[in-house]
């Protein structure tokens, strides 16, 4: 009987999870091979130039560097705090016998047994916990950059702009991973109300993230500009002919 009630959970939830995982594997490959075609790769390149410019003219831009890194740390702190609060709330729900035995709504599709309901909450707890860890490590790296970016020139050649930029990049990578884990928890939160919502939310989220992550490369932008000019010229010729 449990299989008859939970066959949608067994099919739709893994499919939605694989869609999200497949998209992020594709995005990782895109960042590695064509970084300028993604927001992540473009921003990473810009941050390296920013670190080099700040350390080159540190006396005039040291306050700017501290304020910028402070805002980044505040964002990571907010996400880490939100994740750990959600972990605490989910832990309280899991420890409550009433919450496990009485699902929120028995009328939705999917399984509602004690094991399935506990699995939903535990999965959410683990994802929010890993998101908290990633954001905490991101804060650690950004704090290191906050000190090193204002250091005077190093005679030994250790504290170079490349080294500081590498630390900053690690912090932003961990911040990105933490954010993506946090986003991945949204479809799983809808799993409480049924597996159909998980699948629909996963597909919608992938389409939204694709539009936010992918940008045109410089070559594609020039090609698009040339195509627009050709279209404008053709429209002008048609108007002149009329």
C-alpha atoms as a PDB file:
ATOM      1  CA  UNK A   1       0.000   0.000   0.000  1.00  0.00           C
ATOM      2  CA  UNK A   2       2.811   2.403   0.756  1.00  0.00           C
ATOM      3  CA  UNK A   3       4.183   1.953  -2.790  1.00  0.00           C
ATOM      4  CA  UNK A   4       0.747   2.725  -4.277  1.00  0.00           C
ATOM      5  CA  UNK A   5       0.627   5.950  -2.295  1.00  0.00           C
ATOM      6  CA  UNK A   6       4.248   6.932  -2.893  1.00  0.00           C
ATOM      7  CA  UNK A   7       4.909   6.049  -6.533  1.00  0.00           C
ATOM      8  CA  UNK A   8       4.725   9.746  -7.476  1.00  0.00           C
ATOM      9  CA  UNK A   9       7.342  10.532  -4.818  1.00  0.00           C
ATOM     10  CA  UNK A  10       9.625   7.820  -6.193  1.00  0.00           C
ATOM     11  CA  UNK A  11       9.304   9.123  -9.779  1.00  0.00           C
ATOM     12  CA  UNK A  12       8.799  12.908  -9.706  1.00  0.00           C
ATOM     13  CA  UNK A  13      11.105  13.879  -6.831  1.00  0.00           C
ATOM     14  CA  UNK A  14      14.232  12.127  -8.241  1.00  0.00           C
ATOM     15  CA  UNK A  15      13.445  13.490 -11.730  1.00  0.00           C
ATOM     16  CA  UNK A  16      13.207  17.041 -10.377  1.00  0.00           C
ATOM     17  CA  UNK A  17      16.425  16.534  -8.419  1.00  0.00           C
ATOM     18  CA  UNK A  18      18.231  15.213 -11.496  1.00  0.00           C
ATOM     19  CA  UNK A  19      17.045  18.204 -13.537  1.00  0.00           C
ATOM     20  CA  UNK A  20      18.598  20.588 -11.010  1.00  0.00           C
ATOM     21  CA  UNK A  21      21.792  18.536 -10.744  1.00  0.00           C
ATOM     22  CA  UNK A  22      22.089  18.208 -14.516  1.00  0.00           C
ATOM     23  CA  UNK A  23      21.712  21.955 -14.966  1.00  0.00           C
ATOM     24  CA  UNK A  24      24.399  22.746 -12.406  1.00  0.00           C
ATOM     25  CA  UNK A  25      26.780  20.174 -13.922  1.00  0.00           C
ATOM     26  CA  UNK A  26      26.233  21.845 -17.290  1.00  0.00           C
ATOM     27  CA  UNK A  27      26.764  25.276 -15.695  1.00  0.00           C
ATOM     28  CA  UNK A  28      30.011  24.125 -14.060  1.00  0.00           C
ATOM     29  CA  UNK A  29      31.276  22.858 -17.433  1.00  0.00           C
ATOM     30  CA  UNK A  30      30.231  26.147 -19.033  1.00  0.00           C
ATOM     31  CA  UNK A  31      32.119  28.156 -16.422  1.00  0.00           C
ATOM     32  CA  UNK A  32      35.237  26.021 -16.919  1.00  0.00           C
ATOM     33  CA  UNK A  33      35.212  26.116 -20.731  1.00  0.00           C
ATOM     34  CA  UNK A  34      33.464  29.413 -21.596  1.00  0.00           C
ATOM     35  CA  UNK A  35      33.592  31.568 -18.464  1.00  0.00           C
ATOM     36  CA  UNK A  36      32.682  34.834 -20.200  1.00  0.00           C
ATOM     37  CA  UNK A  37      29.367  33.352 -21.340  1.00  0.00           C
ATOM     38  CA  UNK A  38      28.188  33.076 -17.714  1.00  0.00           C
ATOM     39  CA  UNK A  39      27.574  35.595 -14.969  1.00  0.00           C
ATOM     40  CA  UNK A  40      29.742  33.564 -12.581  1.00  0.00           C
ATOM     41  CA  UNK A  41      32.791  33.555 -14.866  1.00  0.00           C
ATOM     42  CA  UNK A  42      32.393  37.209 -15.859  1.00  0.00           C
ATOM     43  CA  UNK A  43      32.097  38.347 -12.245  1.00  0.00           C
ATOM     44  CA  UNK A  44      35.106  36.226 -11.237  1.00  0.00           C
ATOM     45  CA  UNK A  45      37.210  37.927 -13.896  1.00  0.00           C
ATOM     46  CA  UNK A  46      36.004  41.342 -12.730  1.00  0.00           C
ATOM     47  CA  UNK A  47      36.865  40.566  -9.100  1.00  0.00           C
ATOM     48  CA  UNK A  48      40.450  39.712 -10.043  1.00  0.00           C
ATOM     49  CA  UNK A  49      40.833  43.065 -11.757  1.00  0.00           C
ATOM     50  CA  UNK A  50      39.226  44.744  -8.762  1.00  0.00           C
ATOM     51  CA  UNK A  51      41.679  43.205  -6.285  1.00  0.00           C
ATOM     52  CA  UNK A  52      44.636  44.209  -8.453  1.00  0.00           C
ATOM     53  CA  UNK A  53      43.350  47.793  -8.723  1.00  0.00           C
ATOM     54  CA  UNK A  54      42.681  48.069  -4.974  1.00  0.00           C
ATOM     55  CA  UNK A  55      46.109  46.764  -3.966  1.00  0.00           C
ATOM     56  CA  UNK A  56      47.866  48.942  -6.542  1.00  0.00           C
ATOM     57  CA  UNK A  57      46.342  52.145  -5.148  1.00  0.00           C
ATOM     58  CA  UNK A  58      45.616  50.982  -1.614  1.00  0.00           C
ATOM     59  CA  UNK A  59      46.071  54.329   0.113  1.00  0.00           C
ATOM     60  CA  UNK A  60      43.152  55.874  -1.766  1.00  0.00           C
ATOM     61  CA  UNK A  61      40.890  52.846  -2.075  1.00  0.00           C
ATOM     62  CA  UNK A  62      41.353  51.027   1.228  1.00  0.00           C
ATOM     63  CA  UNK A  63      38.040  52.294   2.638  1.00  0.00           C
ATOM     64  CA  UNK A  64      36.244  51.224  -0.530  1.00  0.00           C
ATOM     65  CA  UNK A  65      37.710  47.727  -0.197  1.00  0.00           C
ATOM     66  CA  UNK A  66      36.647  47.400   3.451  1.00  0.00           C
ATOM     67  CA  UNK A  67      33.107  48.604   2.755  1.00  0.00           C
ATOM     68  CA  UNK A  68      32.695  46.292  -0.240  1.00  0.00           C
ATOM     69  CA  UNK A  69      33.922  43.241   1.652  1.00  0.00           C
ATOM     70  CA  UNK A  70      31.804  44.182   4.649  1.00  0.00           C
ATOM     71  CA  UNK A  71      28.677  44.158   2.482  1.00  0.00           C
ATOM     72  CA  UNK A  72      29.662  40.742   1.119  1.00  0.00           C
ATOM     73  CA  UNK A  73      30.197  39.373   4.628  1.00  0.00           C
ATOM     74  CA  UNK A  74      26.853  40.796   5.750  1.00  0.00           C
ATOM     75  CA  UNK A  75      25.101  38.996   2.884  1.00  0.00           C
ATOM     76  CA  UNK A  76      26.752  35.684   3.749  1.00  0.00           C
ATOM     77  CA  UNK A  77      25.953  36.213   7.432  1.00  0.00           C
ATOM     78  CA  UNK A  78      22.282  36.785   6.624  1.00  0.00           C
ATOM     79  CA  UNK A  79      22.079  33.590   4.567  1.00  0.00           C
ATOM     80  CA  UNK A  80      23.968  31.580   7.208  1.00  0.00           C
ATOM     81  CA  UNK A  81      21.673  32.877   9.944  1.00  0.00           C
ATOM     82  CA  UNK A  82      18.565  32.068   7.907  1.00  0.00           C
ATOM     83  CA  UNK A  83      19.840  28.553   7.172  1.00  0.00           C
ATOM     84  CA  UNK A  84      20.651  27.735  10.786  1.00  0.00           C
ATOM     85  CA  UNK A  85      17.294  29.129  11.966  1.00  0.00           C
ATOM     86  CA  UNK A  86      15.510  26.906   9.463  1.00  0.00           C
ATOM     87  CA  UNK A  87      17.632  23.981  10.681  1.00  0.00           C
ATOM     88  CA  UNK A  88      16.534  24.685  14.241  1.00  0.00           C
ATOM     89  CA  UNK A  89      12.888  24.898  13.199  1.00  0.00           C
ATOM     90  CA  UNK A  90      13.062  21.662  11.223  1.00  0.00           C
ATOM     91  CA  UNK A  91      14.818  19.926  14.098  1.00  0.00           C
ATOM     92  CA  UNK A  92      11.987  21.019  16.385  1.00  0.00           C
ATOM     93  CA  UNK A  93       9.435  19.664  13.903  1.00  0.00           C
ATOM     94  CA  UNK A  94      11.251  16.341  13.610  1.00  0.00           C
ATOM     95  CA  UNK A  95      11.447  15.971  17.384  1.00  0.00           C
ATOM     96  CA  UNK A  96       7.706  16.560  17.695  1.00  0.00           C
ATOM     97  CA  UNK A  97       5.778  13.309  17.574  1.00  0.00           C
ATOM     98  CA  UNK A  98       2.569  15.082  16.601  1.00  0.00           C
ATOM     99  CA  UNK A  99       4.169  16.725  13.572  1.00  0.00           C
ATOM    100  CA  UNK A 100       5.475  13.422  12.286  1.00  0.00           C
ATOM    101  CA  UNK A 101       2.283  11.463  12.788  1.00  0.00           C
ATOM    102  CA  UNK A 102      -0.087  14.162  11.557  1.00  0.00           C
ATOM    103  CA  UNK A 103       0.860  15.371   8.067  1.00  0.00           C
ATOM    104  CA  UNK A 104      -0.187  18.876   7.081  1.00  0.00           C
ATOM    105  CA  UNK A 105      -2.666  17.734   4.462  1.00  0.00           C
ATOM    106  CA  UNK A 106      -3.692  14.162   3.749  1.00  0.00           C
ATOM    107  CA  UNK A 107      -5.568  15.151   0.603  1.00  0.00           C
ATOM    108  CA  UNK A 108      -2.487  15.908  -1.550  1.00  0.00           C
ATOM    109  CA  UNK A 109      -0.859  13.293  -3.776  1.00  0.00           C
ATOM    110  CA  UNK A 110       2.039  11.218  -2.524  1.00  0.00           C
ATOM    111  CA  UNK A 111       2.899   9.133   0.508  1.00  0.00           C
ATOM    112  CA  UNK A 112       2.132  10.350   4.020  1.00  0.00           C
ATOM    113  CA  UNK A 113       3.577   7.590   6.158  1.00  0.00           C
ATOM    114  CA  UNK A 114       5.725   8.345   9.167  1.00  0.00           C
ATOM    115  CA  UNK A 115       8.884   7.310   7.338  1.00  0.00           C
ATOM    116  CA  UNK A 116       8.147   9.482   4.281  1.00  0.00           C
ATOM    117  CA  UNK A 117       7.271  12.556   6.335  1.00  0.00           C
ATOM    118  CA  UNK A 118      10.417  12.129   8.428  1.00  0.00           C
ATOM    119  CA  UNK A 119      12.475  11.710   5.234  1.00  0.00           C
ATOM    120  CA  UNK A 120      11.176  15.029   3.889  1.00  0.00           C
ATOM    121  CA  UNK A 121      12.117  16.941   7.015  1.00  0.00           C
ATOM    122  CA  UNK A 122      15.507  15.277   7.421  1.00  0.00           C
ATOM    123  CA  UNK A 123      16.406  15.983   3.777  1.00  0.00           C
ATOM    124  CA  UNK A 124      15.531  19.649   4.226  1.00  0.00           C
ATOM    125  CA  UNK A 125      17.526  19.758   7.458  1.00  0.00           C
ATOM    126  CA  UNK A 126      20.657  18.380   5.779  1.00  0.00           C
ATOM    127  CA  UNK A 127      20.445  20.786   2.836  1.00  0.00           C
ATOM    128  CA  UNK A 128      20.029  23.836   5.073  1.00  0.00           C
ATOM    129  CA  UNK A 129      22.875  22.565   7.274  1.00  0.00           C
ATOM    130  CA  UNK A 130      25.262  22.275   4.320  1.00  0.00           C
ATOM    131  CA  UNK A 131      24.168  25.718   3.142  1.00  0.00           C
ATOM    132  CA  UNK A 132      25.053  27.109   6.574  1.00  0.00           C
ATOM    133  CA  UNK A 133      28.491  25.455   6.451  1.00  0.00           C
ATOM    134  CA  UNK A 134      29.230  26.891   2.991  1.00  0.00           C
ATOM    135  CA  UNK A 135      28.222  30.409   4.033  1.00  0.00           C
ATOM    136  CA  UNK A 136      30.274  30.142   7.230  1.00  0.00           C
ATOM    137  CA  UNK A 137      33.379  29.133   5.257  1.00  0.00           C
ATOM    138  CA  UNK A 138      32.694  31.956   2.816  1.00  0.00           C
ATOM    139  CA  UNK A 139      32.717  34.439   5.696  1.00  0.00           C
ATOM    140  CA  UNK A 140      36.041  32.997   6.840  1.00  0.00           C
ATOM    141  CA  UNK A 141      37.702  33.552   3.470  1.00  0.00           C
ATOM    142  CA  UNK A 142      36.224  37.028   3.058  1.00  0.00           C
ATOM    143  CA  UNK A 143      37.501  38.016   6.510  1.00  0.00           C
ATOM    144  CA  UNK A 144      40.996  36.912   5.488  1.00  0.00           C
ATOM    145  CA  UNK A 145      40.761  39.003   2.326  1.00  0.00           C
ATOM    146  CA  UNK A 146      39.559  41.953   4.417  1.00  0.00           C
ATOM    147  CA  UNK A 147      42.896  41.934   6.250  1.00  0.00           C
ATOM    148  CA  UNK A 148      45.242  40.980   3.424  1.00  0.00           C
ATOM    149  CA  UNK A 149      43.935  43.422   0.841  1.00  0.00           C
ATOM    150  CA  UNK A 150      45.133  46.349   2.986  1.00  0.00           C
ATOM    151  CA  UNK A 151      48.576  44.903   3.712  1.00  0.00           C
ATOM    152  CA  UNK A 152      51.634  46.846   2.505  1.00  0.00           C
ATOM    153  CA  UNK A 153      53.732  45.347  -0.325  1.00  0.00           C
ATOM    154  CA  UNK A 154      55.364  42.077   0.675  1.00  0.00           C
ATOM    155  CA  UNK A 155      59.121  41.846   0.057  1.00  0.00           C
ATOM    156  CA  UNK A 156      58.962  38.042  -0.028  1.00  0.00           C
ATOM    157  CA  UNK A 157      56.387  38.131  -2.814  1.00  0.00           C
ATOM    158  CA  UNK A 158      53.838  36.009  -0.957  1.00  0.00           C
ATOM    159  CA  UNK A 159      50.947  38.449  -0.479  1.00  0.00           C
ATOM    160  CA  UNK A 160      50.447  39.145  -4.151  1.00  0.00           C
ATOM    161  CA  UNK A 161      47.205  40.358  -5.786  1.00  0.00           C
ATOM    162  CA  UNK A 162      46.860  36.901  -7.355  1.00  0.00           C
ATOM    163  CA  UNK A 163      46.933  35.235  -3.921  1.00  0.00           C
ATOM    164  CA  UNK A 164      44.381  37.651  -2.450  1.00  0.00           C
ATOM    165  CA  UNK A 165      42.174  37.271  -5.524  1.00  0.00           C
ATOM    166  CA  UNK A 166      42.326  33.489  -5.127  1.00  0.00           C
ATOM    167  CA  UNK A 167      41.136  33.733  -1.509  1.00  0.00           C
ATOM    168  CA  UNK A 168      38.344  36.081  -2.542  1.00  0.00           C
ATOM    169  CA  UNK A 169      37.323  33.713  -5.330  1.00  0.00           C
ATOM    170  CA  UNK A 170      37.128  30.785  -2.908  1.00  0.00           C
ATOM    171  CA  UNK A 171      34.887  32.831  -0.658  1.00  0.00           C
ATOM    172  CA  UNK A 172      32.559  33.692  -3.525  1.00  0.00           C
ATOM    173  CA  UNK A 173      32.496  30.094  -4.772  1.00  0.00           C
ATOM    174  CA  UNK A 174      31.425  28.903  -1.326  1.00  0.00           C
ATOM    175  CA  UNK A 175      28.845  31.687  -1.195  1.00  0.00           C
ATOM    176  CA  UNK A 176      27.469  30.592  -4.575  1.00  0.00           C
ATOM    177  CA  UNK A 177      27.314  26.940  -3.489  1.00  0.00           C
ATOM    178  CA  UNK A 178      25.529  27.935  -0.280  1.00  0.00           C
ATOM    179  CA  UNK A 179      22.997  30.001  -2.211  1.00  0.00           C
ATOM    180  CA  UNK A 180      22.340  27.201  -4.709  1.00  0.00           C
ATOM    181  CA  UNK A 181      21.791  24.721  -1.868  1.00  0.00           C
ATOM    182  CA  UNK A 182      19.380  27.183  -0.294  1.00  0.00           C
ATOM    183  CA  UNK A 183      17.517  27.490  -3.601  1.00  0.00           C
ATOM    184  CA  UNK A 184      17.430  23.709  -3.978  1.00  0.00           C
ATOM    185  CA  UNK A 185      15.621  23.466  -0.647  1.00  0.00           C
ATOM    186  CA  UNK A 186      12.645  25.407  -2.009  1.00  0.00           C
ATOM    187  CA  UNK A 187      11.282  22.539  -4.165  1.00  0.00           C
ATOM    188  CA  UNK A 188      11.895  20.144  -1.280  1.00  0.00           C
ATOM    189  CA  UNK A 189       9.879  22.376   1.040  1.00  0.00           C
ATOM    190  CA  UNK A 190       6.997  22.021  -1.411  1.00  0.00           C
ATOM    191  CA  UNK A 191       7.486  18.264  -1.165  1.00  0.00           C
ATOM    192  CA  UNK A 192       5.604  18.486   2.119  1.00  0.00           C
ATOM    193  CA  UNK A 193       2.504  19.250   0.037  1.00  0.00           C
ATOM    194  CA  UNK A 194       3.136  16.645  -2.655  1.00  0.00           C
ATOM    195  CA  UNK A 195       5.701  15.490  -5.255  1.00  0.00           C
ATOM    196  CA  UNK A 196       3.974  17.200  -8.199  1.00  0.00           C
ATOM    197  CA  UNK A 197       4.901  20.618  -6.830  1.00  0.00           C
ATOM    198  CA  UNK A 198       8.527  19.479  -6.473  1.00  0.00           C
ATOM    199  CA  UNK A 199       8.761  18.643 -10.165  1.00  0.00           C
ATOM    200  CA  UNK A 200       7.039  21.834 -11.320  1.00  0.00           C
ATOM    201  CA  UNK A 201       9.120  24.033  -9.030  1.00  0.00           C
ATOM    202  CA  UNK A 202      12.364  22.353 -10.160  1.00  0.00           C
ATOM    203  CA  UNK A 203      11.596  22.961 -13.827  1.00  0.00           C
ATOM    204  CA  UNK A 204      10.615  26.573 -13.146  1.00  0.00           C
ATOM    205  CA  UNK A 205      13.706  27.224 -11.041  1.00  0.00           C
ATOM    206  CA  UNK A 206      16.057  25.818 -13.693  1.00  0.00           C
ATOM    207  CA  UNK A 207      14.544  28.075 -16.346  1.00  0.00           C
ATOM    208  CA  UNK A 208      14.844  31.121 -14.074  1.00  0.00           C
ATOM    209  CA  UNK A 209      18.444  30.320 -13.105  1.00  0.00           C
ATOM    210  CA  UNK A 210      19.366  29.784 -16.757  1.00  0.00           C
ATOM    211  CA  UNK A 211      18.204  33.291 -17.643  1.00  0.00           C
ATOM    212  CA  UNK A 212      20.151  34.676 -14.678  1.00  0.00           C
ATOM    213  CA  UNK A 213      23.366  32.676 -15.195  1.00  0.00           C
ATOM    214  CA  UNK A 214      23.947  32.779 -18.962  1.00  0.00           C
ATOM    215  CA  UNK A 215      25.008  35.914 -20.839  1.00  0.00           C
ATOM    216  CA  UNK A 216      26.142  36.591 -24.384  1.00  0.00           C
ATOM    217  CA  UNK A 217      29.871  36.414 -25.093  1.00  0.00           C
ATOM    218  CA  UNK A 218      31.564  39.481 -26.660  1.00  0.00           C
ATOM    219  CA  UNK A 219      31.564  37.734 -30.050  1.00  0.00           C
ATOM    220  CA  UNK A 220      27.855  36.939 -29.752  1.00  0.00           C
ATOM    221  CA  UNK A 221      27.113  40.525 -28.725  1.00  0.00           C
ATOM    222  CA  UNK A 222      28.968  41.884 -31.761  1.00  0.00           C
ATOM    223  CA  UNK A 223      27.151  39.416 -34.005  1.00  0.00           C
ATOM    224  CA  UNK A 224      23.802  40.405 -32.500  1.00  0.00           C
ATOM    225  CA  UNK A 225      24.652  44.087 -33.002  1.00  0.00           C
ATOM    226  CA  UNK A 226      25.542  43.451 -36.650  1.00  0.00           C
ATOM    227  CA  UNK A 227      22.288  41.550 -37.158  1.00  0.00           C
ATOM    228  CA  UNK A 228      20.323  44.407 -35.597  1.00  0.00           C
ATOM    229  CA  UNK A 229      22.058  46.928 -37.890  1.00  0.00           C
ATOM    230  CA  UNK A 230      21.243  44.771 -40.922  1.00  0.00           C
ATOM    231  CA  UNK A 231      17.606  44.557 -39.858  1.00  0.00           C
ATOM    232  CA  UNK A 232      17.457  48.340 -39.392  1.00  0.00           C
ATOM    233  CA  UNK A 233      18.985  48.913 -42.821  1.00  0.00           C
ATOM    234  CA  UNK A 234      16.513  46.498 -44.436  1.00  0.00           C
ATOM    235  CA  UNK A 235      13.628  48.259 -42.704  1.00  0.00           C
ATOM    236  CA  UNK A 236      14.955  51.598 -43.968  1.00  0.00           C
ATOM    237  CA  UNK A 237      15.171  50.310 -47.526  1.00  0.00           C
ATOM    238  CA  UNK A 238      11.600  49.040 -47.335  1.00  0.00           C
ATOM    239  CA  UNK A 239      10.365  52.377 -46.051  1.00  0.00           C
ATOM    240  CA  UNK A 240      12.250  54.198 -48.789  1.00  0.00           C
ATOM    241  CA  UNK A 241      10.810  51.925 -51.425  1.00  0.00           C
ATOM    242  CA  UNK A 242       7.312  52.626 -50.160  1.00  0.00           C
END
